[in-house]
Each structure stands twice: as C-alpha cells, then as structure tokens.
Protein backbone atom coordinates (compact mmCIF):
# COMPACT_ATOMS: atom_id res chain seq x y z
CA MET A 1 44.98 -4.01 87.08
CA ILE A 2 42.84 -0.88 88.23
CA LEU A 3 44.39 0.89 84.88
CA ILE A 4 43.77 -0.90 82.56
CA ILE A 5 40.38 -1.67 84.47
CA TYR A 6 39.34 1.97 84.14
CA ALA A 7 41.25 2.01 80.64
CA VAL A 8 38.97 -0.38 79.56
CA LEU A 9 35.29 1.06 80.65
CA ALA A 10 36.39 4.83 79.62
CA GLY A 11 36.86 3.28 75.94
CA THR A 12 33.41 1.20 76.40
CA TYR A 13 32.10 4.55 77.67
CA LEU A 14 33.73 6.89 75.07
CA LEU A 15 33.86 5.15 72.25
CA VAL A 16 32.12 1.59 72.13
CA MET A 17 28.57 2.08 73.04
CA PRO A 18 28.42 5.92 71.10
CA ALA A 19 29.36 4.01 68.03
CA ILE A 20 26.75 1.05 68.79
CA VAL A 21 24.10 3.91 69.52
CA TYR A 22 24.76 5.83 66.09
CA ALA A 23 24.17 2.42 63.95
CA TYR A 24 21.22 1.71 66.05
CA LEU A 25 19.94 5.35 64.85
CA ASN A 26 20.78 5.07 61.55
CA MET A 27 19.31 2.25 60.96
CA ARG A 28 15.69 2.44 63.16
CA TRP A 29 15.28 6.58 63.07
CA TYR A 30 12.93 6.80 59.80
CA VAL A 31 10.51 3.81 61.20
CA VAL A 32 10.32 4.02 65.11
CA SER A 33 6.90 3.74 67.81
CA SER A 34 6.62 7.27 69.67
CA PHE A 35 8.63 4.71 73.19
CA GLU A 36 11.45 3.51 70.80
CA ARG A 37 12.22 6.85 70.26
CA GLY A 38 12.15 8.26 73.65
CA PHE A 39 14.47 5.41 73.87
CA MET A 40 16.64 7.05 71.63
CA TYR A 41 16.38 10.26 73.09
CA PHE A 42 17.77 8.93 76.36
CA LEU A 43 20.72 6.66 74.89
CA MET A 44 21.85 10.38 73.11
CA PHE A 45 21.47 12.14 76.58
CA PHE A 46 23.02 8.54 78.42
CA PHE A 47 26.08 8.88 76.11
CA PHE A 48 26.19 12.75 75.00
CA PRO A 49 29.93 12.46 76.08
CA GLY A 50 30.74 9.64 73.57
CA MET A 51 28.86 11.04 71.07
CA LEU A 52 30.65 14.36 71.20
CA VAL A 53 34.11 12.81 70.84
CA LEU A 54 32.75 11.31 67.48
CA SER A 55 30.56 13.35 66.21
CA PRO A 56 33.15 15.02 63.62
CA PHE A 57 34.16 11.80 62.47
CA LEU A 58 30.08 9.91 62.09
CA ASN A 59 28.02 12.67 60.26
CA PHE A 60 24.89 10.97 58.72
CA ARG A 61 23.15 13.40 56.80
CA PRO A 62 19.10 12.78 56.37
CA ARG A 63 17.83 10.80 53.47
CA ARG A 64 16.43 12.31 50.74
CA ARG A 65 12.73 12.48 50.88
CA GLN A 66 10.10 11.02 47.65
CA ILE A 67 7.62 14.04 47.08
CA GLU A 68 4.86 12.32 45.47
CA GLY A 69 2.87 13.79 43.05
C-alpha cells in the first residue's frame, strides 16, 4: 500500500504537475503581470526535476513577433 502511495506521489510530482505547469506557462507567458511571472519562476524551480523529465518531449517555441512599420 505504501509503495503505491509513493508511486502516485512521484508520478504526480514528476509527470502530472510539470505538464500542467508547462501548459500554464505556454498559455500565459506573454500576458502576465510581474507578480505572476515571479510565481511562474517559483513553479519552474519547485517542479524542476519533472521539468527535466518532460523537457525532451515538450518544446514550445517562442511566438513569431509582429514587426510594425
């Protein structure tokens, strides 16, 4: 029973939460306030091992800038 609980917690920490953080960052990166950007950096720091696990598979490129002139 304890092994199952550890596996669920490890899977949540290494796979589920980083995937949610990736989706959140992808959705909000260009429209955040300074406080929310600090919160984003905290989430990246807190879930860093999971980010390393998912980073080879999820690669979000920056959006193309519109140059007005």
